[in-house]
Amino acid sequence: HLTTPNTPEDRLELTLKEASGFIYYVS
């Protein structure tokens, strides 16, 4: 999964709980 600096908190919790491997942070 990709995340960004402006990903909202509620979306972070929703998406990252289904993630696997590692998180790709688009900085």
mmCIF file of all heavy atoms, coordinates in Angstrom:
data_MODEL
# 
_entry.id   MODEL 
# 
loop_
_atom_site.group_PDB 
_atom_site.id 
_atom_site.type_symbol 
_atom_site.label_atom_id 
_atom_site.label_alt_id 
_atom_site.label_comp_id 
_atom_site.label_asym_id 
_atom_site.label_entity_id 
_atom_site.label_seq_id 
_atom_site.pdbx_PDB_ins_code 
_atom_site.Cartn_x 
_atom_site.Cartn_y 
_atom_site.Cartn_z 
_atom_site.occupancy 
_atom_site.B_iso_or_equiv 
_atom_site.pdbx_formal_charge 
_atom_site.auth_seq_id 
_atom_site.auth_comp_id 
_atom_site.auth_asym_id 
_atom_site.auth_atom_id 
_atom_site.pdbx_PDB_model_num 
ATOM 1   N N   . HIS A 1 1  ? 0.819   -1.203 0.000  1.00 0.00 ? 1  HIS A N   1 
ATOM 2   C CA  . HIS A 1 1  ? 0.000   0.000  0.000  1.00 0.00 ? 1  HIS A CA  1 
ATOM 3   C C   . HIS A 1 1  ? 0.858   1.261  0.000  1.00 0.00 ? 1  HIS A C   1 
ATOM 4   O O   . HIS A 1 1  ? 1.919   1.304  0.626  1.00 0.00 ? 1  HIS A O   1 
ATOM 5   C CB  . HIS A 1 1  ? -0.920  0.004  1.214  1.00 0.00 ? 1  HIS A CB  1 
ATOM 6   C CG  . HIS A 1 1  ? -2.020  -1.004 1.142  1.00 0.00 ? 1  HIS A CG  1 
ATOM 7   N ND1 . HIS A 1 1  ? -3.343  -0.710 1.373  1.00 0.00 ? 1  HIS A ND1 1 
ATOM 8   C CD2 . HIS A 1 1  ? -2.004  -2.331 0.841  1.00 0.00 ? 1  HIS A CD2 1 
ATOM 9   C CE1 . HIS A 1 1  ? -4.088  -1.795 1.237  1.00 0.00 ? 1  HIS A CE1 1 
ATOM 10  N NE2 . HIS A 1 1  ? -3.293  -2.790 0.911  1.00 0.00 ? 1  HIS A NE2 1 
ATOM 11  N N   . LEU A 1 2  ? 0.342   2.278  -0.660 1.00 0.00 ? 2  LEU A N   1 
ATOM 12  C CA  . LEU A 1 2  ? 0.978   3.586  -0.698 1.00 0.00 ? 2  LEU A CA  1 
ATOM 13  C C   . LEU A 1 2  ? 0.277   4.522  0.273  1.00 0.00 ? 2  LEU A C   1 
ATOM 14  O O   . LEU A 1 2  ? -0.952  4.506  0.400  1.00 0.00 ? 2  LEU A O   1 
ATOM 15  C CB  . LEU A 1 2  ? 0.891   4.188  -2.102 1.00 0.00 ? 2  LEU A CB  1 
ATOM 16  C CG  . LEU A 1 2  ? 1.580   3.428  -3.238 1.00 0.00 ? 2  LEU A CG  1 
ATOM 17  C CD1 . LEU A 1 2  ? 1.094   3.960  -4.575 1.00 0.00 ? 2  LEU A CD1 1 
ATOM 18  C CD2 . LEU A 1 2  ? 3.086   3.563  -3.146 1.00 0.00 ? 2  LEU A CD2 1 
ATOM 19  N N   . THR A 1 3  ? 1.051   5.355  0.958  1.00 0.00 ? 3  THR A N   1 
ATOM 20  C CA  . THR A 1 3  ? 0.487   6.447  1.749  1.00 0.00 ? 3  THR A CA  1 
ATOM 21  C C   . THR A 1 3  ? 1.227   7.729  1.382  1.00 0.00 ? 3  THR A C   1 
ATOM 22  O O   . THR A 1 3  ? 2.346   7.679  0.855  1.00 0.00 ? 3  THR A O   1 
ATOM 23  C CB  . THR A 1 3  ? 0.623   6.205  3.260  1.00 0.00 ? 3  THR A CB  1 
ATOM 24  O OG1 . THR A 1 3  ? 2.006   6.283  3.627  1.00 0.00 ? 3  THR A OG1 1 
ATOM 25  C CG2 . THR A 1 3  ? 0.067   4.853  3.655  1.00 0.00 ? 3  THR A CG2 1 
ATOM 26  N N   . THR A 1 4  ? 0.623   8.847  1.682  1.00 0.00 ? 4  THR A N   1 
ATOM 27  C CA  . THR A 1 4  ? 1.206   10.139 1.345  1.00 0.00 ? 4  THR A CA  1 
ATOM 28  C C   . THR A 1 4  ? 1.148   11.072 2.557  1.00 0.00 ? 4  THR A C   1 
ATOM 29  O O   . THR A 1 4  ? 0.475   10.773 3.548  1.00 0.00 ? 4  THR A O   1 
ATOM 30  C CB  . THR A 1 4  ? 0.440   10.799 0.180  1.00 0.00 ? 4  THR A CB  1 
ATOM 31  O OG1 . THR A 1 4  ? -0.872  11.177 0.641  1.00 0.00 ? 4  THR A OG1 1 
ATOM 32  C CG2 . THR A 1 4  ? 0.309   9.857  -1.004 1.00 0.00 ? 4  THR A CG2 1 
ATOM 33  N N   . PRO A 1 5  ? 1.821   12.227 2.492  1.00 0.00 ? 5  PRO A N   1 
ATOM 34  C CA  . PRO A 1 5  ? 1.769   13.165 3.617  1.00 0.00 ? 5  PRO A CA  1 
ATOM 35  C C   . PRO A 1 5  ? 0.355   13.663 3.936  1.00 0.00 ? 5  PRO A C   1 
ATOM 36  O O   . PRO A 1 5  ? 0.086   14.050 5.078  1.00 0.00 ? 5  PRO A O   1 
ATOM 37  C CB  . PRO A 1 5  ? 2.664   14.319 3.146  1.00 0.00 ? 5  PRO A CB  1 
ATOM 38  C CG  . PRO A 1 5  ? 3.585   13.707 2.153  1.00 0.00 ? 5  PRO A CG  1 
ATOM 39  C CD  . PRO A 1 5  ? 2.764   12.664 1.449  1.00 0.00 ? 5  PRO A CD  1 
ATOM 40  N N   . ASN A 1 6  ? -0.514  13.669 2.935  1.00 0.00 ? 6  ASN A N   1 
ATOM 41  C CA  . ASN A 1 6  ? -1.866  14.205 3.180  1.00 0.00 ? 6  ASN A CA  1 
ATOM 42  C C   . ASN A 1 6  ? -2.949  13.128 3.224  1.00 0.00 ? 6  ASN A C   1 
ATOM 43  O O   . ASN A 1 6  ? -4.129  13.423 3.071  1.00 0.00 ? 6  ASN A O   1 
ATOM 44  C CB  . ASN A 1 6  ? -2.221  15.272 2.130  1.00 0.00 ? 6  ASN A CB  1 
ATOM 45  C CG  . ASN A 1 6  ? -2.067  14.768 0.703  1.00 0.00 ? 6  ASN A CG  1 
ATOM 46  O OD1 . ASN A 1 6  ? -1.751  13.616 0.476  1.00 0.00 ? 6  ASN A OD1 1 
ATOM 47  N ND2 . ASN A 1 6  ? -2.292  15.669 -0.248 1.00 0.00 ? 6  ASN A ND2 1 
ATOM 48  N N   . THR A 1 7  ? -2.552  11.853 3.456  1.00 0.00 ? 7  THR A N   1 
ATOM 49  C CA  . THR A 1 7  ? -3.559  10.819 3.658  1.00 0.00 ? 7  THR A CA  1 
ATOM 50  C C   . THR A 1 7  ? -4.252  11.053 5.000  1.00 0.00 ? 7  THR A C   1 
ATOM 51  O O   . THR A 1 7  ? -3.573  11.114 6.030  1.00 0.00 ? 7  THR A O   1 
ATOM 52  C CB  . THR A 1 7  ? -2.918  9.416  3.660  1.00 0.00 ? 7  THR A CB  1 
ATOM 53  O OG1 . THR A 1 7  ? -2.226  9.204  2.422  1.00 0.00 ? 7  THR A OG1 1 
ATOM 54  C CG2 . THR A 1 7  ? -3.978  8.334  3.831  1.00 0.00 ? 7  THR A CG2 1 
ATOM 55  N N   . PRO A 1 8  ? -5.572  11.181 5.043  1.00 0.00 ? 8  PRO A N   1 
ATOM 56  C CA  . PRO A 1 8  ? -6.275  11.450 6.305  1.00 0.00 ? 8  PRO A CA  1 
ATOM 57  C C   . PRO A 1 8  ? -6.105  10.303 7.304  1.00 0.00 ? 8  PRO A C   1 
ATOM 58  O O   . PRO A 1 8  ? -5.888  9.148  6.923  1.00 0.00 ? 8  PRO A O   1 
ATOM 59  C CB  . PRO A 1 8  ? -7.744  11.583 5.877  1.00 0.00 ? 8  PRO A CB  1 
ATOM 60  C CG  . PRO A 1 8  ? -7.698  11.876 4.418  1.00 0.00 ? 8  PRO A CG  1 
ATOM 61  C CD  . PRO A 1 8  ? -6.488  11.161 3.892  1.00 0.00 ? 8  PRO A CD  1 
ATOM 62  N N   . GLU A 1 9  ? -6.197  10.630 8.584  1.00 0.00 ? 9  GLU A N   1 
ATOM 63  C CA  . GLU A 1 9  ? -6.001  9.640  9.647  1.00 0.00 ? 9  GLU A CA  1 
ATOM 64  C C   . GLU A 1 9  ? -6.957  8.459  9.511  1.00 0.00 ? 9  GLU A C   1 
ATOM 65  O O   . GLU A 1 9  ? -6.565  7.302  9.666  1.00 0.00 ? 9  GLU A O   1 
ATOM 66  C CB  . GLU A 1 9  ? -6.191  10.300 11.021 1.00 0.00 ? 9  GLU A CB  1 
ATOM 67  C CG  . GLU A 1 9  ? -5.210  11.411 11.324 1.00 0.00 ? 9  GLU A CG  1 
ATOM 68  C CD  . GLU A 1 9  ? -3.793  10.905 11.495 1.00 0.00 ? 9  GLU A CD  1 
ATOM 69  O OE1 . GLU A 1 9  ? -3.631  9.698  11.783 1.00 0.00 ? 9  GLU A OE1 1 
ATOM 70  O OE2 . GLU A 1 9  ? -2.856  11.702 11.342 1.00 0.00 ? 9  GLU A OE2 1 
ATOM 71  N N   . ASP A 1 10 ? -8.245  8.750  9.239  1.00 0.00 ? 10 ASP A N   1 
ATOM 72  C CA  . ASP A 1 10 ? -9.210  7.661  9.166  1.00 0.00 ? 10 ASP A CA  1 
ATOM 73  C C   . ASP A 1 10 ? -8.920  6.740  7.989  1.00 0.00 ? 10 ASP A C   1 
ATOM 74  O O   . ASP A 1 10 ? -9.124  5.528  8.063  1.00 0.00 ? 10 ASP A O   1 
ATOM 75  C CB  . ASP A 1 10 ? -10.643 8.201  9.108  1.00 0.00 ? 10 ASP A CB  1 
ATOM 76  C CG  . ASP A 1 10 ? -10.872 9.157  7.937  1.00 0.00 ? 10 ASP A CG  1 
ATOM 77  O OD1 . ASP A 1 10 ? -9.878  9.600  7.315  1.00 0.00 ? 10 ASP A OD1 1 
ATOM 78  O OD2 . ASP A 1 10 ? -12.041 9.471  7.644  1.00 0.00 ? 10 ASP A OD2 1 
ATOM 79  N N   . ARG A 1 11 ? -8.397  7.307  6.907  1.00 0.00 ? 11 ARG A N   1 
ATOM 80  C CA  . ARG A 1 11 ? -8.068  6.465  5.752  1.00 0.00 ? 11 ARG A CA  1 
ATOM 81  C C   . ARG A 1 11 ? -6.806  5.648  6.020  1.00 0.00 ? 11 ARG A C   1 
ATOM 82  O O   . ARG A 1 11 ? -6.698  4.505  5.560  1.00 0.00 ? 11 ARG A O   1 
ATOM 83  C CB  . ARG A 1 11 ? -7.902  7.326  4.503  1.00 0.00 ? 11 ARG A CB  1 
ATOM 84  C CG  . ARG A 1 11 ? -7.688  6.488  3.238  1.00 0.00 ? 11 ARG A CG  1 
ATOM 85  C CD  . ARG A 1 11 ? -7.861  7.299  1.981  1.00 0.00 ? 11 ARG A CD  1 
ATOM 86  N NE  . ARG A 1 11 ? -7.686  6.459  0.814  1.00 0.00 ? 11 ARG A NE  1 
ATOM 87  C CZ  . ARG A 1 11 ? -8.602  5.633  0.319  1.00 0.00 ? 11 ARG A CZ  1 
ATOM 88  N NH1 . ARG A 1 11 ? -9.785  5.547  0.910  1.00 0.00 ? 11 ARG A NH1 1 
ATOM 89  N NH2 . ARG A 1 11 ? -8.356  4.897  -0.750 1.00 0.00 ? 11 ARG A NH2 1 
ATOM 90  N N   . LEU A 1 12 ? -5.855  6.217  6.734  1.00 0.00 ? 12 LEU A N   1 
ATOM 91  C CA  . LEU A 1 12 ? -4.668  5.460  7.108  1.00 0.00 ? 12 LEU A CA  1 
ATOM 92  C C   . LEU A 1 12 ? -5.057  4.199  7.872  1.00 0.00 ? 12 LEU A C   1 
ATOM 93  O O   . LEU A 1 12 ? -4.587  3.105  7.566  1.00 0.00 ? 12 LEU A O   1 
ATOM 94  C CB  . LEU A 1 12 ? -3.744  6.305  7.998  1.00 0.00 ? 12 LEU A CB  1 
ATOM 95  C CG  . LEU A 1 12 ? -2.718  7.216  7.335  1.00 0.00 ? 12 LEU A CG  1 
ATOM 96  C CD1 . LEU A 1 12 ? -1.897  7.905  8.408  1.00 0.00 ? 12 LEU A CD1 1 
ATOM 97  C CD2 . LEU A 1 12 ? -1.826  6.458  6.377  1.00 0.00 ? 12 LEU A CD2 1 
ATOM 98  N N   . GLU A 1 13 ? -5.902  4.354  8.863  1.00 0.00 ? 13 GLU A N   1 
ATOM 99  C CA  . GLU A 1 13 ? -6.320  3.212  9.678  1.00 0.00 ? 13 GLU A CA  1 
ATOM 100 C C   . GLU A 1 13 ? -7.058  2.179  8.842  1.00 0.00 ? 13 GLU A C   1 
ATOM 101 O O   . GLU A 1 13 ? -6.888  0.978  9.021  1.00 0.00 ? 13 GLU A O   1 
ATOM 102 C CB  . GLU A 1 13 ? -7.194  3.695  10.834 1.00 0.00 ? 13 GLU A CB  1 
ATOM 103 C CG  . GLU A 1 13 ? -6.434  4.556  11.843 1.00 0.00 ? 13 GLU A CG  1 
ATOM 104 C CD  . GLU A 1 13 ? -7.306  4.973  13.008 1.00 0.00 ? 13 GLU A CD  1 
ATOM 105 O OE1 . GLU A 1 13 ? -8.423  4.436  13.134 1.00 0.00 ? 13 GLU A OE1 1 
ATOM 106 O OE2 . GLU A 1 13 ? -6.874  5.835  13.801 1.00 0.00 ? 13 GLU A OE2 1 
ATOM 107 N N   . LEU A 1 14 ? -7.882  2.661  7.910  1.00 0.00 ? 14 LEU A N   1 
ATOM 108 C CA  . LEU A 1 14 ? -8.655  1.754  7.065  1.00 0.00 ? 14 LEU A CA  1 
ATOM 109 C C   . LEU A 1 14 ? -7.765  0.953  6.139  1.00 0.00 ? 14 LEU A C   1 
ATOM 110 O O   . LEU A 1 14 ? -7.893  -0.277 6.022  1.00 0.00 ? 14 LEU A O   1 
ATOM 111 C CB  . LEU A 1 14 ? -9.672  2.555  6.242  1.00 0.00 ? 14 LEU A CB  1 
ATOM 112 C CG  . LEU A 1 14 ? -10.489 1.777  5.206  1.00 0.00 ? 14 LEU A CG  1 
ATOM 113 C CD1 . LEU A 1 14 ? -11.444 0.818  5.911  1.00 0.00 ? 14 LEU A CD1 1 
ATOM 114 C CD2 . LEU A 1 14 ? -11.251 2.743  4.297  1.00 0.00 ? 14 LEU A CD2 1 
ATOM 115 N N   . THR A 1 15 ? -6.839  1.617  5.475  1.00 0.00 ? 15 THR A N   1 
ATOM 116 C CA  . THR A 1 15 ? -6.038  0.965  4.435  1.00 0.00 ? 15 THR A CA  1 
ATOM 117 C C   . THR A 1 15 ? -4.884  0.151  4.995  1.00 0.00 ? 15 THR A C   1 
ATOM 118 O O   . THR A 1 15 ? -4.581  -0.938 4.503  1.00 0.00 ? 15 THR A O   1 
ATOM 119 C CB  . THR A 1 15 ? -5.494  1.979  3.426  1.00 0.00 ? 15 THR A CB  1 
ATOM 120 O OG1 . THR A 1 15 ? -4.665  2.942  4.104  1.00 0.00 ? 15 THR A OG1 1 
ATOM 121 C CG2 . THR A 1 15 ? -6.624  2.721  2.730  1.00 0.00 ? 15 THR A CG2 1 
ATOM 122 N N   . LEU A 1 16 ? -4.228  0.649  6.043  1.00 0.00 ? 16 LEU A N   1 
ATOM 123 C CA  . LEU A 1 16 ? -3.022  -0.021 6.514  1.00 0.00 ? 16 LEU A CA  1 
ATOM 124 C C   . LEU A 1 16 ? -3.317  -1.301 7.283  1.00 0.00 ? 16 LEU A C   1 
ATOM 125 O O   . LEU A 1 16 ? -2.447  -2.178 7.382  1.00 0.00 ? 16 LEU A O   1 
ATOM 126 C CB  . LEU A 1 16 ? -2.174  0.931  7.364  1.00 0.00 ? 16 LEU A CB  1 
ATOM 127 C CG  . LEU A 1 16 ? -1.631  2.164  6.629  1.00 0.00 ? 16 LEU A CG  1 
ATOM 128 C CD1 . LEU A 1 16 ? -0.554  2.843  7.453  1.00 0.00 ? 16 LEU A CD1 1 
ATOM 129 C CD2 . LEU A 1 16 ? -1.106  1.819  5.240  1.00 0.00 ? 16 LEU A CD2 1 
ATOM 130 N N   . LYS A 1 17 ? -4.525  -1.444 7.801  1.00 0.00 ? 17 LYS A N   1 
ATOM 131 C CA  . LYS A 1 17 ? -4.839  -2.685 8.506  1.00 0.00 ? 17 LYS A CA  1 
ATOM 132 C C   . LYS A 1 17 ? -4.913  -3.868 7.542  1.00 0.00 ? 17 LYS A C   1 
ATOM 133 O O   . LYS A 1 17 ? -4.822  -5.031 7.958  1.00 0.00 ? 17 LYS A O   1 
ATOM 134 C CB  . LYS A 1 17 ? -6.149  -2.557 9.281  1.00 0.00 ? 17 LYS A CB  1 
ATOM 135 C CG  . LYS A 1 17 ? -7.395  -2.470 8.432  1.00 0.00 ? 17 LYS A CG  1 
ATOM 136 C CD  . LYS A 1 17 ? -8.641  -2.359 9.303  1.00 0.00 ? 17 LYS A CD  1 
ATOM 137 C CE  . LYS A 1 17 ? -9.914  -2.304 8.456  1.00 0.00 ? 17 LYS A CE  1 
ATOM 138 N NZ  . LYS A 1 17 ? -11.130 -2.179 9.290  1.00 0.00 ? 17 LYS A NZ  1 
ATOM 139 N N   . GLU A 1 18 ? -5.072  -3.599 6.238  1.00 0.00 ? 18 GLU A N   1 
ATOM 140 C CA  . GLU A 1 18 ? -5.120  -4.656 5.228  1.00 0.00 ? 18 GLU A CA  1 
ATOM 141 C C   . GLU A 1 18 ? -3.796  -4.821 4.494  1.00 0.00 ? 18 GLU A C   1 
ATOM 142 O O   . GLU A 1 18 ? -3.677  -5.645 3.593  1.00 0.00 ? 18 GLU A O   1 
ATOM 143 C CB  . GLU A 1 18 ? -6.219  -4.340 4.204  1.00 0.00 ? 18 GLU A CB  1 
ATOM 144 C CG  . GLU A 1 18 ? -7.621  -4.231 4.787  1.00 0.00 ? 18 GLU A CG  1 
ATOM 145 C CD  . GLU A 1 18 ? -8.160  -5.575 5.222  1.00 0.00 ? 18 GLU A CD  1 
ATOM 146 O OE1 . GLU A 1 18 ? -7.583  -6.607 4.821  1.00 0.00 ? 18 GLU A OE1 1 
ATOM 147 O OE2 . GLU A 1 18 ? -9.144  -5.602 5.972  1.00 0.00 ? 18 GLU A OE2 1 
ATOM 148 N N   . ALA A 1 19 ? -2.799  -4.028 4.874  1.00 0.00 ? 19 ALA A N   1 
ATOM 149 C CA  . ALA A 1 19 ? -1.524  -4.030 4.152  1.00 0.00 ? 19 ALA A CA  1 
ATOM 150 C C   . ALA A 1 19 ? -0.687  -5.249 4.506  1.00 0.00 ? 19 ALA A C   1 
ATOM 151 O O   . ALA A 1 19 ? -0.883  -5.893 5.543  1.00 0.00 ? 19 ALA A O   1 
ATOM 152 C CB  . ALA A 1 19 ? -0.753  -2.752 4.473  1.00 0.00 ? 19 ALA A CB  1 
ATOM 153 N N   . SER A 1 20 ? 0.261   -5.552 3.633  1.00 0.00 ? 20 SER A N   1 
ATOM 154 C CA  . SER A 1 20 ? 1.204   -6.639 3.902  1.00 0.00 ? 20 SER A CA  1 
ATOM 155 C C   . SER A 1 20 ? 2.541   -6.309 3.253  1.00 0.00 ? 20 SER A C   1 
ATOM 156 O O   . SER A 1 20 ? 2.631   -5.440 2.389  1.00 0.00 ? 20 SER A O   1 
ATOM 157 C CB  . SER A 1 20 ? 0.673   -7.972 3.357  1.00 0.00 ? 20 SER A CB  1 
ATOM 158 O OG  . SER A 1 20 ? 0.568   -7.937 1.945  1.00 0.00 ? 20 SER A OG  1 
ATOM 159 N N   . GLY A 1 21 ? 3.585   -6.999 3.705  1.00 0.00 ? 21 GLY A N   1 
ATOM 160 C CA  . GLY A 1 21 ? 4.916   -6.765 3.147  1.00 0.00 ? 21 GLY A CA  1 
ATOM 161 C C   . GLY A 1 21 ? 5.587   -5.579 3.796  1.00 0.00 ? 21 GLY A C   1 
ATOM 162 O O   . GLY A 1 21 ? 6.372   -5.706 4.727  1.00 0.00 ? 21 GLY A O   1 
ATOM 163 N N   . PHE A 1 22 ? 5.291   -4.399 3.293  1.00 0.00 ? 22 PHE A N   1 
ATOM 164 C CA  . PHE A 1 22 ? 5.732   -3.154 3.896  1.00 0.00 ? 22 PHE A CA  1 
ATOM 165 C C   . PHE A 1 22 ? 4.833   -2.033 3.394  1.00 0.00 ? 22 PHE A C   1 
ATOM 166 O O   . PHE A 1 22 ? 4.024   -2.233 2.488  1.00 0.00 ? 22 PHE A O   1 
ATOM 167 C CB  . PHE A 1 22 ? 7.213   -2.857 3.601  1.00 0.00 ? 22 PHE A CB  1 
ATOM 168 C CG  . PHE A 1 22 ? 7.570   -2.721 2.142  1.00 0.00 ? 22 PHE A CG  1 
ATOM 169 C CD1 . PHE A 1 22 ? 7.417   -1.527 1.449  1.00 0.00 ? 22 PHE A CD1 1 
ATOM 170 C CD2 . PHE A 1 22 ? 8.105   -3.801 1.442  1.00 0.00 ? 22 PHE A CD2 1 
ATOM 171 C CE1 . PHE A 1 22 ? 7.766   -1.398 0.108  1.00 0.00 ? 22 PHE A CE1 1 
ATOM 172 C CE2 . PHE A 1 22 ? 8.466   -3.702 0.099  1.00 0.00 ? 22 PHE A CE2 1 
ATOM 173 C CZ  . PHE A 1 22 ? 8.291   -2.486 -0.567 1.00 0.00 ? 22 PHE A CZ  1 
ATOM 174 N N   . ILE A 1 23 ? 4.972   -0.876 4.009  1.00 0.00 ? 23 ILE A N   1 
ATOM 175 C CA  . ILE A 1 23 ? 4.227   0.319  3.596  1.00 0.00 ? 23 ILE A CA  1 
ATOM 176 C C   . ILE A 1 23 ? 5.160   1.190  2.768  1.00 0.00 ? 23 ILE A C   1 
ATOM 177 O O   . ILE A 1 23 ? 6.294   1.451  3.163  1.00 0.00 ? 23 ILE A O   1 
ATOM 178 C CB  . ILE A 1 23 ? 3.714   1.117  4.808  1.00 0.00 ? 23 ILE A CB  1 
ATOM 179 C CG1 . ILE A 1 23 ? 2.909   0.221  5.758  1.00 0.00 ? 23 ILE A CG1 1 
ATOM 180 C CG2 . ILE A 1 23 ? 2.878   2.311  4.339  1.00 0.00 ? 23 ILE A CG2 1 
ATOM 181 C CD1 . ILE A 1 23 ? 1.722   -0.450 5.143  1.00 0.00 ? 23 ILE A CD1 1 
ATOM 182 N N   . TYR A 1 24 ? 4.679   1.640  1.624  1.00 0.00 ? 24 TYR A N   1 
ATOM 183 C CA  . TYR A 1 24 ? 5.466   2.549  0.784  1.00 0.00 ? 24 TYR A CA  1 
ATOM 184 C C   . TYR A 1 24 ? 4.980   3.972  1.070  1.00 0.00 ? 24 TYR A C   1 
ATOM 185 O O   . TYR A 1 24 ? 3.862   4.328  0.725  1.00 0.00 ? 24 TYR A O   1 
ATOM 186 C CB  . TYR A 1 24 ? 5.260   2.194  -0.689 1.00 0.00 ? 24 TYR A CB  1 
ATOM 187 C CG  . TYR A 1 24 ? 6.212   2.903  -1.646 1.00 0.00 ? 24 TYR A CG  1 
ATOM 188 C CD1 . TYR A 1 24 ? 7.099   2.181  -2.439 1.00 0.00 ? 24 TYR A CD1 1 
ATOM 189 C CD2 . TYR A 1 24 ? 6.198   4.287  -1.784 1.00 0.00 ? 24 TYR A CD2 1 
ATOM 190 C CE1 . TYR A 1 24 ? 7.956   2.795  -3.333 1.00 0.00 ? 24 TYR A CE1 1 
ATOM 191 C CE2 . TYR A 1 24 ? 7.059   4.936  -2.669 1.00 0.00 ? 24 TYR A CE2 1 
ATOM 192 C CZ  . TYR A 1 24 ? 7.935   4.172  -3.435 1.00 0.00 ? 24 TYR A CZ  1 
ATOM 193 O OH  . TYR A 1 24 ? 8.771   4.802  -4.311 1.00 0.00 ? 24 TYR A OH  1 
ATOM 194 N N   . TYR A 1 25 ? 5.849   4.760  1.705  1.00 0.00 ? 25 TYR A N   1 
ATOM 195 C CA  . TYR A 1 25 ? 5.495   6.140  2.032  1.00 0.00 ? 25 TYR A CA  1 
ATOM 196 C C   . TYR A 1 25 ? 5.987   7.076  0.932  1.00 0.00 ? 25 TYR A C   1 
ATOM 197 O O   . TYR A 1 25 ? 7.192   7.248  0.733  1.00 0.00 ? 25 TYR A O   1 
ATOM 198 C CB  . TYR A 1 25 ? 6.095   6.550  3.374  1.00 0.00 ? 25 TYR A CB  1 
ATOM 199 C CG  . TYR A 1 25 ? 5.825   7.995  3.719  1.00 0.00 ? 25 TYR A CG  1 
ATOM 200 C CD1 . TYR A 1 25 ? 4.513   8.465  3.856  1.00 0.00 ? 25 TYR A CD1 1 
ATOM 201 C CD2 . TYR A 1 25 ? 6.866   8.897  3.881  1.00 0.00 ? 25 TYR A CD2 1 
ATOM 202 C CE1 . TYR A 1 25 ? 4.258   9.789  4.147  1.00 0.00 ? 25 TYR A CE1 1 
ATOM 203 C CE2 . TYR A 1 25 ? 6.624   10.232 4.176  1.00 0.00 ? 25 TYR A CE2 1 
ATOM 204 C CZ  . TYR A 1 25 ? 5.318   10.673 4.301  1.00 0.00 ? 25 TYR A CZ  1 
ATOM 205 O OH  . TYR A 1 25 ? 5.060   12.001 4.580  1.00 0.00 ? 25 TYR A OH  1 
ATOM 206 N N   . VAL A 1 26 ? 5.045   7.650  0.194  1.00 0.00 ? 26 VAL A N   1 
ATOM 207 C CA  . VAL A 1 26 ? 5.354   8.655  -0.825 1.00 0.00 ? 26 VAL A CA  1 
ATOM 208 C C   . VAL A 1 26 ? 5.592   9.963  -0.086 1.00 0.00 ? 26 VAL A C   1 
ATOM 209 O O   . VAL A 1 26 ? 4.664   10.599 0.397  1.00 0.00 ? 26 VAL A O   1 
ATOM 210 C CB  . VAL A 1 26 ? 4.191   8.791  -1.827 1.00 0.00 ? 26 VAL A CB  1 
ATOM 211 C CG1 . VAL A 1 26 ? 4.498   9.868  -2.857 1.00 0.00 ? 26 VAL A CG1 1 
ATOM 212 C CG2 . VAL A 1 26 ? 3.928   7.456  -2.516 1.00 0.00 ? 26 VAL A CG2 1 
ATOM 213 N N   . SER A 1 27 ? 6.850   10.361 0.039  1.00 0.00 ? 27 SER A N   1 
ATOM 214 C CA  . SER A 1 27 ? 7.224   11.401 0.992  1.00 0.00 ? 27 SER A CA  1 
ATOM 215 C C   . SER A 1 27 ? 6.925   12.824 0.538  1.00 0.00 ? 27 SER A C   1 
ATOM 216 O O   . SER A 1 27 ? 7.089   13.768 1.318  1.00 0.00 ? 27 SER A O   1 
ATOM 217 C CB  . SER A 1 27 ? 8.714   11.286 1.316  1.00 0.00 ? 27 SER A CB  1 
ATOM 218 O OG  . SER A 1 27 ? 9.502   11.488 0.153  1.00 0.00 ? 27 SER A OG  1 
# 
